[in-house]
Amino acid sequence: MAGVQGSVVVALRLSRDGSVLAGEVLSGNGLLASAAETTLKTWAFAPCEQEGGCEFNMKVRYLLLGEPRDISQCEDTFEFDNGDQILVTSQFAKAIKD
């Protein structure tokens, strides 16, 4: 996660079958925004019963924990909160030195 943490809000438009038709970043750090938008566009959500689909905002929070480690030892976790928030945690990766 490049040593960057923070939140990104993405507006999603879903089809009736729950697939993502469109996503647009509403706020957040530019380094994180593209990853959040791209990832959410690949997801499928519960079917939407509204004619023409549904729209809602999803907040993705990126949080770095602990001391720097070798990148091969950094673990990522994903937690869903209230159906409209995702918490992505990882550990700091040490800088690569030649």
Protein backbone atom coordinates (compact mmCIF):
# COMPACT_ATOMS: atom_id res chain seq x y z
CA MET A 1 0.00 0.00 0.00
CA ALA A 2 3.01 2.29 -0.58
CA GLY A 3 3.00 3.67 2.98
CA VAL A 4 -0.26 5.51 2.34
CA GLN A 5 -3.38 5.18 4.44
CA GLY A 6 -6.75 6.90 4.40
CA SER A 7 -10.29 6.59 3.10
CA VAL A 8 -11.82 6.58 -0.36
CA VAL A 9 -15.52 6.95 -1.16
CA VAL A 10 -16.73 5.43 -4.43
CA ALA A 11 -20.24 5.94 -5.85
CA LEU A 12 -21.46 2.68 -7.38
CA ARG A 13 -24.31 2.04 -9.78
CA LEU A 14 -25.53 -1.58 -9.80
CA SER A 15 -27.67 -3.51 -12.23
CA ARG A 16 -30.67 -5.48 -10.99
CA ASP A 17 -28.52 -8.64 -10.82
CA GLY A 18 -25.98 -6.93 -8.52
CA SER A 19 -23.18 -6.44 -11.04
CA VAL A 20 -21.44 -3.07 -11.06
CA LEU A 21 -22.37 -0.90 -14.04
CA ALA A 22 -20.27 2.11 -13.06
CA GLY A 23 -18.11 3.52 -10.30
CA GLU A 24 -16.88 7.03 -9.62
CA VAL A 25 -14.48 8.20 -6.93
CA LEU A 26 -16.13 10.93 -4.85
CA SER A 27 -13.27 11.57 -2.42
CA GLY A 28 -9.97 10.21 -1.18
CA ASN A 29 -6.25 10.07 -1.75
CA GLY A 30 -5.39 9.71 -5.43
CA LEU A 31 -2.90 6.90 -4.73
CA LEU A 32 -5.65 4.82 -3.12
CA ALA A 33 -8.65 5.99 -5.16
CA SER A 34 -7.80 4.20 -8.39
CA ALA A 35 -7.21 0.87 -6.62
CA ALA A 36 -10.49 1.16 -4.70
CA GLU A 37 -12.53 2.05 -7.80
CA THR A 38 -10.95 -0.63 -9.99
CA THR A 39 -11.42 -3.34 -7.37
CA LEU A 40 -15.04 -2.45 -6.57
CA LYS A 41 -15.94 -2.52 -10.26
CA THR A 42 -15.02 -6.23 -10.34
CA TRP A 43 -17.28 -7.16 -7.42
CA ALA A 44 -20.83 -8.48 -7.50
CA PHE A 45 -23.35 -7.40 -4.89
CA ALA A 46 -26.72 -8.73 -3.78
CA PRO A 47 -29.43 -8.34 -6.42
CA CYS A 48 -31.24 -5.00 -6.46
CA GLU A 49 -35.02 -5.00 -6.66
CA GLN A 50 -35.37 -1.42 -7.89
CA GLU A 51 -36.25 -0.93 -11.54
CA GLY A 52 -33.15 0.39 -13.32
CA GLY A 53 -30.77 -0.79 -10.57
CA CYS A 54 -29.41 0.80 -7.41
CA GLU A 55 -26.92 3.48 -6.48
CA PHE A 56 -24.96 3.75 -3.25
CA ASN A 57 -21.65 4.93 -1.86
CA MET A 58 -19.01 2.52 -0.59
CA LYS A 59 -16.26 3.72 1.74
CA VAL A 60 -12.93 1.88 1.65
CA ARG A 61 -10.54 2.58 4.55
CA TYR A 62 -6.87 1.66 4.18
CA LEU A 63 -4.96 1.25 7.45
CA LEU A 64 -1.30 0.32 8.01
CA LEU A 65 -0.36 -1.46 11.24
CA GLY A 66 2.80 -2.46 13.06
CA GLU A 67 6.48 -2.07 12.33
CA PRO A 68 8.01 -2.27 8.83
CA ARG A 69 8.50 -5.83 7.54
CA ASP A 70 9.76 -7.57 4.47
CA ILE A 71 6.97 -7.28 1.91
CA SER A 72 6.68 -11.09 1.68
CA GLN A 73 5.60 -11.10 5.36
CA CYS A 74 2.97 -8.36 5.03
CA GLU A 75 -0.54 -9.70 5.36
CA ASP A 76 -3.65 -7.93 4.11
CA THR A 77 -7.05 -8.34 5.74
CA PHE A 78 -10.49 -7.18 4.63
CA GLU A 79 -13.41 -6.48 6.96
CA PHE A 80 -16.92 -5.43 6.00
CA ASP A 81 -18.77 -3.00 8.25
CA ASN A 82 -22.44 -2.04 7.97
CA GLY A 83 -22.56 -3.17 4.35
CA ASP A 84 -21.23 0.16 3.07
CA GLN A 85 -17.69 0.19 4.45
CA ILE A 86 -14.64 -1.96 3.89
CA LEU A 87 -11.57 -1.86 6.12
CA VAL A 88 -8.35 -2.98 4.41
CA THR A 89 -5.43 -3.45 6.80
CA SER A 90 -1.85 -4.25 5.98
CA GLN A 91 1.58 -3.86 7.50
CA PHE A 92 4.26 -1.38 6.53
CA ALA A 93 6.70 -2.83 4.02
CA LYS A 94 10.39 -2.11 4.35
CA ALA A 95 11.99 -0.13 1.57
CA ILE A 96 13.77 -2.29 -0.95
CA LYS A 97 17.51 -1.69 -1.02
CA ASP A 98 19.90 -2.94 -3.69
